[in-house]
Amino acid sequence: MVRVDGGVAWFEPEQTTSCGHCASSAVCGTGANGIGSIASRIELRRFSLENPAGLRVGERVVVGVDDRALIKGALTAYALPLLTALTAGGLAQGAVGSDLVTMAAMVSGLIFGLAMARIAARRLSRRGELAPRFLRRASPGESCG
């Protein structure tokens, strides 16, 4: 934990030595892209939780996200835009039969699906379904990963 503001605790993910070797390390904030860029990316990844457990700055905690939240998030972010793009393309192909019209319909469907995904993500976020939850204090010597 990095800060406490009243009843709200601010956290940032721990950096580990094993991190930075995956395909997305250049954008996740843990890759070796210079100390300034790493620090700024980690600061952008800070998140807040209510502090009913009386946590103090410097304590390490374990947070988690409900499995259903991960599924809902993935379906919202990926499946909804893909489904609308394919549906629009299939309808256009069946109705008109032109490849150009089908591609335009697919792009339109994708844009519509992305807009719907944004609305759905806001709704999930407002209801707190995507928020991390405090699980427990980390044991001494416990490492992430």
N, C-alpha and C. Protein backbone atom coordinates (compact mmCIF):
# COMPACT_ATOMS: atom_id res chain seq x y z
N MET A 1 0.85 -1.16 0.00
CA MET A 1 0.00 0.00 0.00
C MET A 1 0.90 1.22 0.00
N VAL A 2 0.48 2.25 -0.76
CA VAL A 2 1.32 3.43 -0.89
C VAL A 2 0.73 4.68 -0.24
N ARG A 3 -0.58 4.69 0.04
CA ARG A 3 -1.19 5.89 0.61
C ARG A 3 -2.54 5.55 1.23
N VAL A 4 -2.91 6.30 2.29
CA VAL A 4 -4.22 6.17 2.90
C VAL A 4 -4.85 7.55 2.94
N ASP A 5 -6.05 7.68 2.38
CA ASP A 5 -6.82 8.92 2.41
C ASP A 5 -8.13 8.63 3.12
N GLY A 6 -8.19 8.91 4.39
CA GLY A 6 -9.40 8.63 5.15
C GLY A 6 -9.68 7.14 5.17
N GLY A 7 -10.84 6.75 4.65
CA GLY A 7 -11.22 5.35 4.62
C GLY A 7 -10.84 4.64 3.34
N VAL A 8 -9.98 5.27 2.52
CA VAL A 8 -9.60 4.69 1.23
C VAL A 8 -8.10 4.43 1.22
N ALA A 9 -7.72 3.23 0.84
CA ALA A 9 -6.31 2.84 0.73
C ALA A 9 -5.94 2.76 -0.75
N TRP A 10 -4.77 3.30 -1.08
CA TRP A 10 -4.27 3.29 -2.46
C TRP A 10 -3.14 2.26 -2.57
N PHE A 11 -3.22 1.44 -3.60
CA PHE A 11 -2.27 0.36 -3.82
C PHE A 11 -1.62 0.49 -5.18
N GLU A 12 -0.47 -0.14 -5.32
CA GLU A 12 0.13 -0.31 -6.63
C GLU A 12 0.68 -1.72 -6.71
N PRO A 13 0.62 -2.34 -7.88
CA PRO A 13 1.08 -3.72 -8.02
C PRO A 13 2.58 -3.82 -7.72
N GLU A 14 2.97 -4.92 -7.13
CA GLU A 14 4.37 -5.17 -6.84
C GLU A 14 5.10 -5.54 -8.10
N GLN A 15 6.32 -5.03 -8.24
CA GLN A 15 7.18 -5.47 -9.33
C GLN A 15 7.94 -6.69 -8.88
N THR A 16 8.07 -7.65 -9.75
CA THR A 16 8.83 -8.85 -9.41
C THR A 16 9.99 -9.01 -10.37
N THR A 17 10.97 -9.76 -9.97
CA THR A 17 12.12 -9.99 -10.84
C THR A 17 11.78 -10.91 -12.00
N SER A 18 10.74 -11.71 -11.84
CA SER A 18 10.38 -12.63 -12.92
C SER A 18 9.55 -11.95 -13.99
N CYS A 19 9.08 -10.76 -13.71
CA CYS A 19 8.23 -10.08 -14.68
C CYS A 19 9.09 -9.36 -15.72
N GLY A 20 8.49 -9.05 -16.85
CA GLY A 20 9.20 -8.33 -17.88
C GLY A 20 9.64 -9.21 -19.03
N HIS A 21 9.29 -10.49 -18.98
CA HIS A 21 9.74 -11.40 -20.02
C HIS A 21 8.61 -11.87 -20.93
N CYS A 22 7.44 -11.30 -20.77
CA CYS A 22 6.33 -11.73 -21.63
C CYS A 22 6.19 -10.80 -22.82
N ALA A 23 5.28 -11.12 -23.71
CA ALA A 23 5.09 -10.35 -24.92
C ALA A 23 4.56 -8.95 -24.67
N SER A 24 3.85 -8.74 -23.55
CA SER A 24 3.28 -7.42 -23.29
C SER A 24 4.10 -6.62 -22.28
N SER A 25 5.34 -7.00 -22.01
CA SER A 25 6.15 -6.30 -21.01
C SER A 25 6.44 -4.87 -21.40
N ALA A 26 6.40 -4.56 -22.69
CA ALA A 26 6.69 -3.20 -23.13
C ALA A 26 5.58 -2.23 -22.75
N VAL A 27 4.38 -2.72 -22.53
CA VAL A 27 3.27 -1.83 -22.22
C VAL A 27 2.72 -2.00 -20.82
N CYS A 28 3.13 -3.00 -20.09
CA CYS A 28 2.53 -3.23 -18.77
C CYS A 28 3.19 -2.43 -17.67
N GLY A 29 4.37 -1.89 -17.90
CA GLY A 29 5.00 -1.07 -16.88
C GLY A 29 6.06 -1.77 -16.08
N THR A 30 6.30 -3.04 -16.32
CA THR A 30 7.33 -3.74 -15.57
C THR A 30 8.53 -4.09 -16.42
N GLY A 31 8.48 -3.82 -17.70
CA GLY A 31 9.62 -4.12 -18.56
C GLY A 31 10.76 -3.15 -18.32
N ALA A 32 11.91 -3.44 -18.86
CA ALA A 32 13.09 -2.60 -18.64
C ALA A 32 13.17 -1.51 -19.70
N ASN A 33 12.30 -0.50 -19.60
CA ASN A 33 12.27 0.58 -20.58
C ASN A 33 12.74 1.91 -19.99
N GLY A 34 13.53 1.88 -18.97
CA GLY A 34 13.99 3.11 -18.35
C GLY A 34 13.23 3.38 -17.06
N ILE A 35 13.95 3.89 -16.06
CA ILE A 35 13.36 4.05 -14.74
C ILE A 35 12.22 5.06 -14.73
N GLY A 36 12.31 6.13 -15.50
CA GLY A 36 11.25 7.13 -15.52
C GLY A 36 9.96 6.57 -16.09
N SER A 37 10.08 5.83 -17.17
CA SER A 37 8.88 5.29 -17.78
C SER A 37 8.25 4.20 -16.92
N ILE A 38 9.07 3.40 -16.24
CA ILE A 38 8.53 2.36 -15.36
C ILE A 38 7.78 3.01 -14.21
N ALA A 39 8.38 4.00 -13.59
CA ALA A 39 7.74 4.66 -12.45
C ALA A 39 6.42 5.30 -12.85
N SER A 40 6.40 5.95 -13.99
CA SER A 40 5.15 6.61 -14.40
C SER A 40 4.08 5.58 -14.76
N ARG A 41 4.46 4.46 -15.36
CA ARG A 41 3.47 3.44 -15.69
C ARG A 41 2.92 2.78 -14.44
N ILE A 42 3.77 2.52 -13.46
CA ILE A 42 3.29 1.91 -12.22
C ILE A 42 2.35 2.87 -11.51
N GLU A 43 2.67 4.15 -11.51
CA GLU A 43 1.78 5.13 -10.88
C GLU A 43 0.41 5.14 -11.57
N LEU A 44 0.38 4.94 -12.88
CA LEU A 44 -0.88 4.89 -13.60
C LEU A 44 -1.68 3.65 -13.24
N ARG A 45 -1.02 2.61 -12.75
CA ARG A 45 -1.71 1.37 -12.41
C ARG A 45 -2.21 1.36 -10.97
N ARG A 46 -2.04 2.46 -10.23
CA ARG A 46 -2.53 2.51 -8.86
C ARG A 46 -4.05 2.38 -8.84
N PHE A 47 -4.53 1.75 -7.79
CA PHE A 47 -5.97 1.59 -7.62
C PHE A 47 -6.32 1.76 -6.15
N SER A 48 -7.58 2.03 -5.90
CA SER A 48 -8.00 2.27 -4.52
C SER A 48 -9.04 1.24 -4.09
N LEU A 49 -9.05 1.00 -2.79
CA LEU A 49 -10.03 0.12 -2.16
C LEU A 49 -10.45 0.75 -0.85
N GLU A 50 -11.64 0.41 -0.40
CA GLU A 50 -12.04 0.83 0.93
C GLU A 50 -11.09 0.19 1.93
N ASN A 51 -10.90 0.85 3.07
CA ASN A 51 -9.92 0.38 4.04
C ASN A 51 -10.58 -0.02 5.36
N PRO A 52 -11.49 -1.00 5.35
CA PRO A 52 -12.13 -1.40 6.61
C PRO A 52 -11.20 -2.19 7.53
N ALA A 53 -10.12 -2.75 6.97
CA ALA A 53 -9.21 -3.59 7.76
C ALA A 53 -8.16 -2.76 8.49
N GLY A 54 -8.19 -1.42 8.34
CA GLY A 54 -7.22 -0.58 9.01
C GLY A 54 -5.80 -0.78 8.51
N LEU A 55 -5.64 -0.93 7.22
CA LEU A 55 -4.32 -1.14 6.63
C LEU A 55 -3.48 0.13 6.75
N ARG A 56 -2.15 -0.07 6.82
CA ARG A 56 -1.23 1.06 6.94
C ARG A 56 -0.29 1.07 5.74
N VAL A 57 0.28 2.24 5.47
CA VAL A 57 1.22 2.41 4.36
C VAL A 57 2.39 1.45 4.55
N GLY A 58 2.77 0.78 3.48
CA GLY A 58 3.88 -0.17 3.51
C GLY A 58 3.44 -1.62 3.68
N GLU A 59 2.22 -1.84 4.13
CA GLU A 59 1.74 -3.22 4.28
C GLU A 59 1.53 -3.84 2.90
N ARG A 60 1.78 -5.12 2.82
CA ARG A 60 1.54 -5.86 1.59
C ARG A 60 0.25 -6.65 1.76
N VAL A 61 -0.58 -6.62 0.75
CA VAL A 61 -1.87 -7.30 0.82
C VAL A 61 -2.08 -8.14 -0.43
N VAL A 62 -3.05 -9.03 -0.34
CA VAL A 62 -3.46 -9.85 -1.46
C VAL A 62 -4.85 -9.38 -1.86
N VAL A 63 -5.00 -9.02 -3.13
CA VAL A 63 -6.30 -8.62 -3.64
C VAL A 63 -6.70 -9.59 -4.73
N GLY A 64 -7.96 -9.67 -5.01
CA GLY A 64 -8.44 -10.59 -6.03
C GLY A 64 -9.66 -10.03 -6.74
N VAL A 65 -9.96 -10.65 -7.85
CA VAL A 65 -11.13 -10.30 -8.65
C VAL A 65 -11.94 -11.58 -8.82
N ASP A 66 -13.24 -11.46 -8.69
CA ASP A 66 -14.13 -12.61 -8.85
C ASP A 66 -13.97 -13.22 -10.24
N ASP A 67 -13.98 -14.55 -10.32
CA ASP A 67 -13.86 -15.23 -11.62
C ASP A 67 -14.93 -14.78 -12.60
N ARG A 68 -16.14 -14.58 -12.11
CA ARG A 68 -17.22 -14.14 -12.99
C ARG A 68 -16.94 -12.76 -13.55
N ALA A 69 -16.24 -11.92 -12.79
CA ALA A 69 -15.89 -10.58 -13.28
C ALA A 69 -14.93 -10.67 -14.46
N LEU A 70 -13.98 -11.61 -14.38
CA LEU A 70 -13.05 -11.79 -15.49
C LEU A 70 -13.78 -12.26 -16.75
N ILE A 71 -14.72 -13.16 -16.57
CA ILE A 71 -15.49 -13.66 -17.72
C ILE A 71 -16.35 -12.55 -18.30
N LYS A 72 -17.05 -11.81 -17.44
CA LYS A 72 -17.89 -10.70 -17.91
C LYS A 72 -17.05 -9.64 -18.62
N GLY A 73 -15.89 -9.33 -18.06
CA GLY A 73 -15.00 -8.35 -18.68
C GLY A 73 -14.51 -8.80 -20.05
N ALA A 74 -14.12 -10.05 -20.15
CA ALA A 74 -13.63 -10.58 -21.43
C ALA A 74 -14.74 -10.63 -22.47
N LEU A 75 -15.92 -11.07 -22.06
CA LEU A 75 -17.04 -11.11 -23.01
C LEU A 75 -17.41 -9.71 -23.47
N THR A 76 -17.38 -8.76 -22.55
CA THR A 76 -17.72 -7.39 -22.90
C THR A 76 -16.68 -6.79 -23.84
N ALA A 77 -15.41 -6.98 -23.53
CA ALA A 77 -14.35 -6.34 -24.30
C ALA A 77 -14.09 -7.01 -25.66
N TYR A 78 -14.24 -8.31 -25.73
CA TYR A 78 -13.86 -9.02 -26.95
C TYR A 78 -15.04 -9.63 -27.71
N ALA A 79 -15.89 -10.36 -27.01
CA ALA A 79 -16.96 -11.09 -27.69
C ALA A 79 -18.02 -10.17 -28.27
N LEU A 80 -18.42 -9.14 -27.53
CA LEU A 80 -19.48 -8.25 -28.01
C LEU A 80 -19.10 -7.54 -29.30
N PRO A 81 -17.92 -6.89 -29.40
CA PRO A 81 -17.56 -6.25 -30.68
C PRO A 81 -17.40 -7.27 -31.82
N LEU A 82 -16.82 -8.42 -31.53
CA LEU A 82 -16.65 -9.44 -32.56
C LEU A 82 -18.00 -9.96 -33.05
N LEU A 83 -18.90 -10.19 -32.13
CA LEU A 83 -20.23 -10.69 -32.49
C LEU A 83 -20.99 -9.67 -33.35
N THR A 84 -20.94 -8.40 -32.98
CA THR A 84 -21.66 -7.40 -33.78
C THR A 84 -21.03 -7.24 -35.16
N ALA A 85 -19.71 -7.32 -35.26
CA ALA A 85 -19.05 -7.21 -36.56
C ALA A 85 -19.42 -8.38 -37.46
N LEU A 86 -19.37 -9.60 -36.92
CA LEU A 86 -19.69 -10.77 -37.73
C LEU A 86 -21.17 -10.82 -38.11
N THR A 87 -22.03 -10.41 -37.19
CA THR A 87 -23.46 -10.38 -37.49
C THR A 87 -23.77 -9.39 -38.60
N ALA A 88 -23.20 -8.18 -38.47
CA ALA A 88 -23.43 -7.16 -39.50
C ALA A 88 -22.88 -7.63 -40.85
N GLY A 89 -21.71 -8.24 -40.84
CA GLY A 89 -21.13 -8.74 -42.09
C GLY A 89 -21.95 -9.86 -42.70
N GLY A 90 -22.44 -10.77 -41.87
CA GLY A 90 -23.27 -11.87 -42.38
C GLY A 90 -24.58 -11.38 -42.97
N LEU A 91 -25.21 -10.43 -42.27
CA LEU A 91 -26.47 -9.87 -42.79
C LEU A 91 -26.25 -9.14 -44.11
N ALA A 92 -25.16 -8.37 -44.19
CA ALA A 92 -24.88 -7.63 -45.42
C ALA A 92 -24.54 -8.58 -46.56
N GLN A 93 -23.79 -9.61 -46.28
CA GLN A 93 -23.43 -10.58 -47.33
C GLN A 93 -24.68 -11.29 -47.84
N GLY A 94 -25.57 -11.66 -46.91
CA GLY A 94 -26.79 -12.34 -47.32
C GLY A 94 -27.74 -11.44 -48.09
N ALA A 95 -27.79 -10.17 -47.72
CA ALA A 95 -28.72 -9.24 -48.36
C ALA A 95 -28.21 -8.69 -49.68
N VAL A 96 -26.92 -8.34 -49.74
CA VAL A 96 -26.37 -7.66 -50.91
C VAL A 96 -25.43 -8.55 -51.71
N GLY A 97 -24.58 -9.30 -51.02
CA GLY A 97 -23.65 -10.21 -51.70
C GLY A 97 -22.38 -9.54 -52.21
N SER A 98 -22.16 -8.29 -51.89
CA SER A 98 -20.98 -7.57 -52.34
C SER A 98 -19.93 -7.58 -51.23
N ASP A 99 -18.70 -7.88 -51.61
CA ASP A 99 -17.63 -7.90 -50.61
C ASP A 99 -17.38 -6.52 -50.02
N LEU A 100 -17.44 -5.49 -50.83
CA LEU A 100 -17.22 -4.13 -50.34
C LEU A 100 -18.28 -3.73 -49.32
N VAL A 101 -19.53 -4.04 -49.61
CA VAL A 101 -20.62 -3.74 -48.69
C VAL A 101 -20.47 -4.57 -47.41
N THR A 102 -20.08 -5.82 -47.54
CA THR A 102 -19.88 -6.68 -46.38
C THR A 102 -18.79 -6.13 -45.47
N MET A 103 -17.67 -5.71 -46.07
CA MET A 103 -16.58 -5.14 -45.27
C MET A 103 -17.02 -3.85 -44.57
N ALA A 104 -17.75 -3.01 -45.26
CA ALA A 104 -18.24 -1.76 -44.66
C ALA A 104 -19.20 -2.07 -43.51
N ALA A 105 -20.04 -3.06 -43.70
CA ALA A 105 -20.98 -3.46 -42.64
C ALA A 105 -20.23 -4.03 -41.44
N MET A 106 -19.18 -4.80 -41.70
CA MET A 106 -18.40 -5.36 -40.61
C MET A 106 -17.70 -4.26 -39.81
N VAL A 107 -17.14 -3.28 -40.49
CA VAL A 107 -16.50 -2.15 -39.80
C VAL A 107 -17.55 -1.39 -38.99
N SER A 108 -18.70 -1.16 -39.58
CA SER A 108 -19.78 -0.48 -38.85
C SER A 108 -20.22 -1.30 -37.64
N GLY A 109 -20.36 -2.60 -37.82
CA GLY A 109 -20.73 -3.48 -36.71
C GLY A 109 -19.69 -3.48 -35.61
N LEU A 110 -18.42 -3.45 -36.00
CA LEU A 110 -17.35 -3.40 -35.01
C LEU A 110 -17.40 -2.10 -34.21
N ILE A 111 -17.59 -0.99 -34.89
CA ILE A 111 -17.69 0.30 -34.21
C ILE A 111 -18.89 0.31 -33.26
N PHE A 112 -20.00 -0.21 -33.72
CA PHE A 112 -21.20 -0.28 -32.87
C PHE A 112 -20.93 -1.19 -31.67
N GLY A 113 -20.28 -2.32 -31.89
CA GLY A 113 -19.97 -3.24 -30.80
C GLY A 113 -19.01 -2.65 -29.79
N LEU A 114 -18.03 -1.88 -30.26
CA LEU A 114 -17.12 -1.21 -29.34
C LEU A 114 -17.84 -0.17 -28.49
N ALA A 115 -18.77 0.55 -29.10
CA ALA A 115 -19.57 1.52 -28.34
C ALA A 115 -20.43 0.81 -27.30
N MET A 116 -21.03 -0.30 -27.68
CA MET A 116 -21.84 -1.07 -26.73
C MET A 116 -20.98 -1.65 -25.61
N ALA A 117 -19.77 -2.09 -25.95
CA ALA A 117 -18.86 -2.63 -24.95
C ALA A 117 -18.46 -1.54 -23.95
N ARG A 118 -18.27 -0.34 -24.44
CA ARG A 118 -17.91 0.76 -23.55
C ARG A 118 -19.05 1.05 -22.56
N ILE A 119 -20.28 1.05 -23.07
CA ILE A 119 -21.45 1.27 -22.21
C ILE A 119 -21.58 0.14 -21.19
N ALA A 120 -21.42 -1.09 -21.64
CA ALA A 120 -21.54 -2.24 -20.75
C ALA A 120 -20.43 -2.23 -19.69
N ALA A 121 -19.22 -1.85 -20.08
CA ALA A 121 -18.11 -1.79 -19.12
C ALA A 121 -18.35 -0.72 -18.06
N ARG A 122 -18.88 0.41 -18.47
CA ARG A 122 -19.23 1.46 -17.50
C ARG A 122 -20.27 0.96 -16.52
N ARG A 123 -21.26 0.25 -17.02
CA ARG A 123 -22.32 -0.29 -16.16
C ARG A 123 -21.73 -1.30 -15.16
N LEU A 124 -20.88 -2.20 -15.64
CA LEU A 124 -20.24 -3.16 -14.75
C LEU A 124 -19.37 -2.46 -13.71
N SER A 125 -18.67 -1.43 -14.14
CA SER A 125 -17.81 -0.69 -13.23
C SER A 125 -18.61 0.06 -12.17
N ARG A 126 -19.71 0.68 -12.59
CA ARG A 126 -20.57 1.40 -11.63
C ARG A 126 -21.13 0.47 -10.57
N ARG A 127 -21.46 -0.74 -10.97
CA ARG A 127 -21.99 -1.72 -10.01
C ARG A 127 -20.89 -2.36 -9.17
N GLY A 128 -19.63 -2.06 -9.48
CA GLY A 128 -18.52 -2.59 -8.71
C GLY A 128 -18.16 -4.02 -9.04
N GLU A 129 -18.65 -4.54 -10.15
CA GLU A 129 -18.40 -5.94 -10.48
C GLU A 129 -16.98 -6.21 -10.96
N LEU A 130 -16.30 -5.18 -11.46
CA LEU A 130 -14.95 -5.37 -11.97
C LEU A 130 -13.88 -4.94 -10.98
N ALA A 131 -14.29 -4.45 -9.82
CA ALA A 131 -13.35 -3.91 -8.84
C ALA A 131 -12.62 -5.03 -8.10
N PRO A 132 -11.34 -4.80 -7.83
CA PRO A 132 -10.62 -5.78 -7.01
C PRO A 132 -11.12 -5.73 -5.57
N ARG A 133 -10.94 -6.82 -4.86
CA ARG A 133 -11.39 -6.93 -3.47
C ARG A 133 -10.20 -7.29 -2.58
N PHE A 134 -10.20 -6.72 -1.38
CA PHE A 134 -9.19 -7.06 -0.38
C PHE A 134 -9.46 -8.49 0.09
N LEU A 135 -8.46 -9.36 0.02
CA LEU A 135 -8.62 -10.73 0.46
C LEU A 135 -7.97 -10.95 1.83
N ARG A 136 -6.69 -10.53 1.95
CA ARG A 136 -5.99 -10.73 3.22
C ARG A 136 -4.68 -9.98 3.19
N ARG A 137 -4.07 -9.86 4.34
CA ARG A 137 -2.71 -9.32 4.43
C ARG A 137 -1.75 -10.41 3.95
N ALA A 138 -0.71 -10.00 3.26
CA ALA A 138 0.28 -10.96 2.77
C ALA A 138 1.13 -11.45 3.94
N SER A 139 1.47 -12.70 3.93
CA SER A 139 2.34 -13.28 4.96
C SER A 139 3.76 -12.76 4.78
N PRO A 140 4.53 -12.67 5.86
CA PRO A 140 5.93 -12.24 5.71
C PRO A 140 6.68 -13.20 4.78
N GLY A 141 7.42 -12.65 3.87
CA GLY A 141 8.19 -13.46 2.93
C GLY A 141 7.40 -13.99 1.75
N GLU A 142 6.10 -13.75 1.74
CA GLU A 142 5.27 -14.23 0.62
C GLU A 142 5.56 -13.39 -0.60
N SER A 143 5.72 -14.04 -1.74
CA SER A 143 5.99 -13.31 -2.97
C SER A 143 4.81 -13.42 -3.89
N CYS A 144 4.68 -12.44 -4.78
CA CYS A 144 3.60 -12.54 -5.75
C CYS A 144 4.08 -13.41 -6.90
N GLY A 145 3.20 -14.23 -7.39
CA GLY A 145 3.56 -15.10 -8.48
C GLY A 145 3.93 -16.42 -7.97
